[in-house]
Protein backbone atom coordinates (compact mmCIF):
# COMPACT_ATOMS: atom_id res chain seq x y z
CA UNK A 1 37.29 -35.30 21.95
CA UNK A 2 39.74 -32.52 23.46
CA UNK A 3 41.91 -33.17 26.39
CA UNK A 4 40.17 -33.21 29.00
CA UNK A 5 37.29 -35.34 27.91
CA UNK A 6 39.96 -37.62 26.77
CA UNK A 7 40.83 -37.28 30.72
CA UNK A 8 37.71 -37.36 32.12
CA UNK A 9 36.48 -40.41 29.48
CA UNK A 10 37.07 -43.64 32.00
CA UNK A 11 35.88 -41.83 35.05
CA UNK A 12 32.60 -40.51 32.73
CA UNK A 13 32.58 -44.01 31.96
CA UNK A 14 32.48 -45.74 35.82
CA UNK A 15 29.85 -42.83 36.76
CA UNK A 16 27.28 -43.97 34.07
CA UNK A 17 28.23 -47.40 35.05
CA UNK A 18 26.77 -46.82 38.80
CA UNK A 19 24.12 -44.36 37.31
CA UNK A 20 22.59 -46.57 35.34
CA UNK A 21 22.83 -49.44 37.77
CA UNK A 22 20.90 -47.67 40.18
CA UNK A 23 18.11 -46.88 37.61
CA UNK A 24 17.92 -50.31 36.45
CA UNK A 25 17.51 -51.63 40.69
CA UNK A 26 14.28 -48.54 41.16
CA UNK A 27 13.28 -49.89 38.08
CA UNK A 28 13.03 -53.40 38.97
CA UNK A 29 11.55 -52.24 42.67
CA UNK A 30 8.82 -51.29 40.52
CA UNK A 31 9.28 -47.16 40.09
CA UNK A 32 8.25 -45.45 36.89
CA UNK A 33 11.96 -45.11 34.33
CA UNK A 34 10.90 -42.14 33.34
CA UNK A 35 9.70 -40.41 36.30
CA UNK A 36 12.34 -37.71 38.50
CA UNK A 37 12.02 -39.74 41.49
CA UNK A 38 13.60 -42.29 39.99
CA UNK A 39 16.25 -40.56 38.39
CA UNK A 40 17.29 -38.53 41.80
CA UNK A 41 17.02 -41.43 43.64
CA UNK A 42 19.71 -43.05 41.12
CA UNK A 43 21.77 -39.33 41.90
CA UNK A 44 21.45 -40.20 45.03
CA UNK A 45 22.84 -43.61 45.06
CA UNK A 46 25.67 -42.44 43.09
CA UNK A 47 27.05 -39.89 44.99
CA UNK A 48 26.59 -42.35 47.71
CA UNK A 49 29.03 -45.26 46.34
CA UNK A 50 31.35 -42.25 44.78
CA UNK A 51 32.00 -40.80 48.31
CA UNK A 52 32.07 -43.84 50.02
CA UNK A 53 34.88 -44.93 47.85
CA UNK A 54 36.65 -41.63 48.78
CA UNK A 55 36.43 -42.40 52.28
CA UNK A 56 40.41 -43.88 52.15
CA UNK A 57 41.46 -41.02 50.22
CA UNK A 58 39.94 -38.23 53.03
CA UNK A 59 41.49 -40.64 55.81
CA UNK A 60 45.19 -40.23 54.10
CA UNK A 61 43.87 -36.28 53.64
CA UNK A 62 44.19 -36.10 57.51
CA UNK A 63 46.97 -37.88 58.49
CA UNK A 64 48.95 -35.88 56.06
CA UNK A 65 47.85 -32.71 57.49
CA UNK A 66 48.32 -34.03 61.15
CA UNK A 67 51.72 -35.04 59.78
CA UNK A 68 52.17 -31.09 58.66
CA UNK A 69 50.72 -30.26 62.45
CA UNK A 70 53.72 -31.99 63.87
CA UNK A 71 56.43 -30.84 62.30
CA UNK A 72 54.93 -26.81 62.22
CA UNK A 73 56.92 -25.80 65.46
CA UNK A 74 60.48 -27.16 63.58
CA UNK A 75 59.03 -25.21 60.66
CA UNK A 76 58.61 -22.30 62.19
CA UNK A 77 62.36 -22.37 64.11
CA UNK A 78 64.02 -22.92 60.45
CA UNK A 79 61.53 -19.42 59.42
CA UNK A 80 62.81 -17.28 62.70
CA UNK A 81 66.15 -18.51 62.12
CA UNK A 82 66.56 -16.55 58.61
CA UNK A 83 63.31 -14.31 59.16
CA UNK A 84 64.82 -10.96 57.56
CA UNK A 85 67.50 -12.55 55.48
CA UNK A 86 66.79 -12.15 52.01
CA UNK A 87 70.23 -12.84 50.26
CA UNK A 88 70.59 -15.99 47.75
CA UNK A 89 72.60 -17.97 50.36
CA UNK A 90 70.20 -17.52 53.12
CA UNK A 91 67.15 -18.33 51.12
CA UNK A 92 68.93 -21.48 49.61
CA UNK A 93 70.21 -22.54 53.20
CA UNK A 94 66.40 -22.01 54.69
CA UNK A 95 64.93 -24.12 51.74
CA UNK A 96 67.50 -27.01 52.01
CA UNK A 97 67.12 -27.41 55.50
CA UNK A 98 63.15 -27.13 55.09
CA UNK A 99 63.42 -30.06 52.78
CA UNK A 100 65.38 -31.73 54.93
CA UNK A 101 63.06 -31.44 58.04
CA UNK A 102 60.50 -32.53 55.74
CA UNK A 103 62.45 -35.62 54.59
CA UNK A 104 63.72 -36.20 58.24
CA UNK A 105 60.04 -36.26 59.71
CA UNK A 106 58.62 -38.42 56.41
CA UNK A 107 56.11 -35.16 55.35
CA UNK A 108 55.29 -33.67 52.17
CA UNK A 109 53.26 -30.32 52.21
CA UNK A 110 51.66 -31.37 48.43
CA UNK A 111 50.42 -35.02 50.46
CA UNK A 112 47.33 -33.14 52.23
CA UNK A 113 46.34 -31.76 49.05
CA UNK A 114 46.86 -34.65 46.87
CA UNK A 115 43.38 -36.21 47.74
CA UNK A 116 41.56 -32.93 46.66
CA UNK A 117 43.46 -33.16 43.30
CA UNK A 118 42.38 -36.65 42.77
CA UNK A 119 39.08 -35.56 43.64
CA UNK A 120 38.52 -33.11 40.88
CA UNK A 121 38.31 -35.32 38.03
CA UNK A 122 35.60 -37.40 39.70
CA UNK A 123 33.52 -34.38 40.49
CA UNK A 124 33.78 -32.89 37.12
CA UNK A 125 33.00 -36.07 35.39
CA UNK A 126 29.71 -36.15 37.57
CA UNK A 127 29.07 -32.92 36.67
CA UNK A 128 29.45 -33.77 32.95
CA UNK A 129 27.32 -37.11 32.89
CA UNK A 130 24.42 -35.41 34.59
CA UNK A 131 24.53 -32.00 32.30
CA UNK A 132 25.33 -33.69 29.13
CA UNK A 133 22.31 -36.04 29.99
CA UNK A 134 19.76 -33.57 31.12
CA UNK A 135 20.65 -31.35 28.04
CA UNK A 136 20.08 -34.67 25.74
CA UNK A 137 22.97 -34.33 24.08
CA UNK A 138 23.25 -36.68 21.18
CA UNK A 139 24.04 -39.81 21.14
CA UNK A 140 23.84 -40.11 24.87
CA UNK A 141 26.87 -40.63 27.22
CA UNK A 142 29.79 -42.25 26.57
CA UNK A 143 29.26 -45.44 28.70
CA UNK A 144 25.91 -47.53 29.40
CA UNK A 145 24.16 -44.17 29.26
CA UNK A 146 22.78 -44.28 25.70
CA UNK A 147 20.48 -41.83 23.89
CA UNK A 148 17.17 -43.73 25.09
CA UNK A 149 18.24 -43.35 29.26
CA UNK A 150 19.63 -39.68 28.37
CA UNK A 151 16.66 -38.32 26.81
CA UNK A 152 14.72 -40.14 29.67
CA UNK A 153 16.59 -38.31 32.09
CA UNK A 154 16.35 -34.96 30.06
CA UNK A 155 12.62 -35.06 29.58
CA UNK A 156 11.90 -36.75 33.77
CA UNK A 157 10.32 -34.34 35.92
CA UNK A 158 9.85 -34.32 40.08
CA UNK A 159 6.61 -33.31 40.77
CA UNK A 160 6.20 -31.60 37.70
CA UNK A 161 9.27 -29.71 38.11
CA UNK A 162 11.37 -30.78 35.11
CA UNK A 163 14.95 -31.84 36.22
CA UNK A 164 16.74 -30.01 33.41
CA UNK A 165 15.47 -26.76 34.70
CA UNK A 166 17.25 -23.90 36.27
CA UNK A 167 16.17 -21.01 38.37
CA UNK A 168 17.55 -18.80 35.72
CA UNK A 169 15.77 -20.74 33.10
CA UNK A 170 12.39 -22.11 35.40
CA UNK A 171 9.97 -22.11 32.09
CA UNK A 172 7.30 -20.57 34.19
CA UNK A 173 6.98 -23.33 36.83
CA UNK A 174 6.15 -21.92 40.54
CA UNK A 175 7.34 -25.75 41.32
CA UNK A 176 10.98 -25.49 39.81
CA UNK A 177 11.27 -21.69 41.43
CA UNK A 178 10.62 -23.34 44.86
CA UNK A 179 12.99 -26.62 44.19
CA UNK A 180 15.59 -24.28 43.11
CA UNK A 181 15.93 -22.00 46.30
CA UNK A 182 15.15 -24.19 48.77
CA UNK A 183 18.42 -26.41 47.30
CA UNK A 184 20.26 -23.22 46.89
CA UNK A 185 19.57 -22.50 50.66
CA UNK A 186 20.33 -26.08 51.58
CA UNK A 187 23.50 -26.44 49.86
CA UNK A 188 24.40 -22.59 51.28
CA UNK A 189 23.23 -23.76 55.06
CA UNK A 190 25.05 -27.78 54.97
CA UNK A 191 28.70 -25.72 53.68
CA UNK A 192 28.28 -22.75 56.37
CA UNK A 193 27.67 -25.24 58.78
CA UNK A 194 30.43 -27.87 57.86
CA UNK A 195 33.37 -25.05 57.26
CA UNK A 196 31.93 -23.57 60.94
CA UNK A 197 32.55 -26.72 62.88
CA UNK A 198 35.92 -27.15 61.28
CA UNK A 199 36.86 -23.29 62.42
CA UNK A 200 35.02 -23.14 66.02
CA UNK A 201 35.82 -27.06 67.19
CA UNK A 202 38.44 -28.60 65.22
CA UNK A 203 41.44 -26.01 65.10
CA UNK A 204 44.20 -25.99 67.48
CA UNK A 205 45.51 -22.70 69.29
CA UNK A 206 48.39 -22.33 66.83
CA UNK A 207 45.60 -22.39 64.07
CA UNK A 208 43.55 -20.11 64.87
CA UNK A 209 46.55 -17.72 65.49
CA UNK A 210 47.91 -17.94 62.11
CA UNK A 211 47.32 -15.81 59.24
CA UNK A 212 45.79 -19.20 57.22
CA UNK A 213 43.17 -19.09 60.20
CA UNK A 214 41.96 -15.69 58.99
CA UNK A 215 41.80 -16.37 55.12
CA UNK A 216 39.77 -19.42 56.16
CA UNK A 217 37.60 -17.12 58.32
CA UNK A 218 36.63 -14.89 55.00
CA UNK A 219 36.17 -17.85 52.95
CA UNK A 220 33.68 -18.84 55.22
CA UNK A 221 31.44 -16.50 54.07
CA UNK A 222 32.11 -15.92 50.50
CA UNK A 223 31.92 -19.70 49.46
CA UNK A 224 28.04 -19.71 50.56
CA UNK A 225 27.94 -16.16 48.36
CA UNK A 226 29.59 -18.34 46.01
CA UNK A 227 26.61 -21.27 45.94
CA UNK A 228 23.67 -18.51 45.39
CA UNK A 229 25.35 -17.26 42.29
CA UNK A 230 26.18 -20.63 41.07
CA UNK A 231 23.15 -22.38 41.86
CA UNK A 232 20.67 -20.37 39.71
CA UNK A 233 22.66 -21.87 36.55
CA UNK A 234 22.82 -25.32 37.88
CA UNK A 235 19.51 -27.43 36.29
CA UNK A 236 18.11 -29.23 39.83
CA UNK A 237 19.34 -32.80 38.72
CA UNK A 238 23.07 -31.06 39.33
CA UNK A 239 21.62 -29.76 42.30
CA UNK A 240 20.39 -32.62 43.85
CA UNK A 241 23.92 -34.10 43.48
CA UNK A 242 25.48 -31.28 45.18
CA UNK A 243 23.00 -31.21 47.64
CA UNK A 244 23.59 -34.68 48.70
CA UNK A 245 26.94 -34.37 48.44
CA UNK A 246 27.54 -31.50 51.07
CA UNK A 247 25.50 -33.52 53.33
CA UNK A 248 27.66 -36.38 53.12
CA UNK A 249 30.18 -34.13 53.48
CA UNK A 250 28.54 -32.68 56.74
CA UNK A 251 28.07 -35.85 58.69
CA UNK A 252 31.54 -37.06 57.81
CA UNK A 253 33.63 -34.12 59.03
CA UNK A 254 30.75 -34.76 62.19
CA UNK A 255 32.13 -38.32 62.35
CA UNK A 256 35.33 -36.82 62.23
CA UNK A 257 35.74 -34.09 64.66
CA UNK A 258 33.88 -36.32 67.11
CA UNK A 259 36.55 -39.30 66.84
CA UNK A 260 39.63 -38.00 65.32
CA UNK A 261 39.89 -34.38 66.44
CA UNK A 262 42.71 -32.29 65.95
CA UNK A 263 45.05 -32.22 68.90
CA UNK A 264 44.76 -29.60 71.25
CA UNK A 265 41.62 -28.24 69.53
CA UNK A 266 38.14 -28.11 71.52
CA UNK A 267 36.93 -30.70 70.14
CA UNK A 268 40.10 -32.79 71.20
CA UNK A 269 39.33 -31.83 74.69
CA UNK A 270 35.63 -32.69 74.53
CA UNK A 271 36.13 -36.17 73.38
CA UNK A 272 38.88 -36.63 76.46
CA UNK A 273 36.31 -35.34 78.73
CA UNK A 274 33.97 -37.96 77.54
CA UNK A 275 36.87 -40.71 77.35
CA UNK A 276 37.51 -39.57 81.21
CA UNK A 277 33.64 -40.11 82.02
CA UNK A 278 33.52 -43.57 80.79
CA UNK A 279 36.29 -44.92 82.78
CA UNK A 280 38.91 -45.03 80.10
CA UNK A 281 42.73 -44.00 79.92
CA UNK A 282 43.77 -41.99 77.07
CA UNK A 283 47.40 -42.84 75.98
CA UNK A 284 49.13 -40.63 73.72
CA UNK A 285 52.63 -41.99 72.02
CA UNK A 286 53.92 -38.10 70.86
CA UNK A 287 52.03 -34.41 71.32
CA UNK A 288 50.21 -34.92 68.35
CA UNK A 289 50.03 -38.76 67.69
CA UNK A 290 46.87 -40.23 67.42
CA UNK A 291 45.06 -41.21 70.55
CA UNK A 292 44.98 -44.60 71.78
CA UNK A 293 41.71 -45.69 74.27
CA UNK A 294 42.58 -48.59 76.68
CA UNK A 295 40.65 -50.09 79.81
CA UNK A 296 42.70 -50.17 82.89
CA UNK A 297 45.25 -52.54 83.21
CA UNK A 298 44.03 -55.45 86.00
CA UNK A 299 46.51 -56.00 88.95
CA UNK A 300 48.17 -59.63 87.95
CA UNK A 301 49.51 -61.86 90.59
CA UNK A 302 52.77 -63.99 90.18
CA UNK A 303 51.53 -67.37 89.86
CA UNK A 304 53.43 -69.70 92.51
CA UNK A 305 55.30 -72.70 91.02
CA UNK A 306 54.60 -76.00 92.64
CA UNK A 307 57.42 -77.42 95.25
CA UNK A 308 57.58 -80.97 95.10
CA UNK A 309 58.33 -83.37 98.41
CA UNK A 310 62.26 -83.35 98.67
CA UNK A 311 62.73 -79.69 97.76
CA UNK A 312 59.92 -79.37 100.59
CA UNK A 313 61.98 -81.01 102.87
CA UNK A 314 65.09 -79.42 102.00
CA UNK A 315 63.78 -75.98 102.24
CA UNK A 316 62.25 -77.10 105.94
CA UNK A 317 65.52 -78.42 106.97
CA UNK A 318 67.85 -75.10 105.94
CA UNK A 319 65.25 -72.78 108.13
């Protein structure tokens, strides 16, 4: 076993556990254990469980990105201060002041990338498990996906289209071509729509004027092309996984943009308008802090304390 295989082994074991568990459930419900529909539904269940488990990491990524947005103006001041100065002393001073800023504000430029790095081994494991099973790798998987189940998965077909078939190796099946072309089109469209809604609705004016936004705009059109070419070599079973994951991402981004938009973006203004229409107050602790929505506070009246008889006589006598 190579180094990558050793690293991915425990993750693949968990992936196989979830996949086999769903396969058992669908078989118990009454579906044919060797039918492609049973395995496709198991793949869908696997993706849903994995992506749901990654929600806390996704939320952490959003918070990290918000913190970086908060320190962006201060970071720009430091960069402008040393703009054009290429001597070693200036570079060291700029680096030192930048690190002090990150330490003072509790931010880290790598923290927003960390969730993505943590997700990559999981995605590689998912792809490896599905791909090995569909190519009927000898000995089965590393866990509960034994040789018998792996063979069942590899020989299964959905409405006559083998799940291990690819568009490049379609075995002369028209159904494989139809399935593959349809899923590649849906994968490409879902990826494009997800990135488009982020760039058009969830970017602040400052971000839209940055060089990074221009690079993201280029990637907006490059990534769909990558899906088109890479999808040709993907087995149908793997494409079902990828398509389900794309749909999850698209729905997740829709909810984030609607409920946790980037401050200053068009989505944030639309959210404020919705809240104002419902008669809610929006209180902001800071320029880029999360919004807190509360109802209008009711007017309070001071409770009048009861007055004893002796005290009332004294008050009356003093008048």
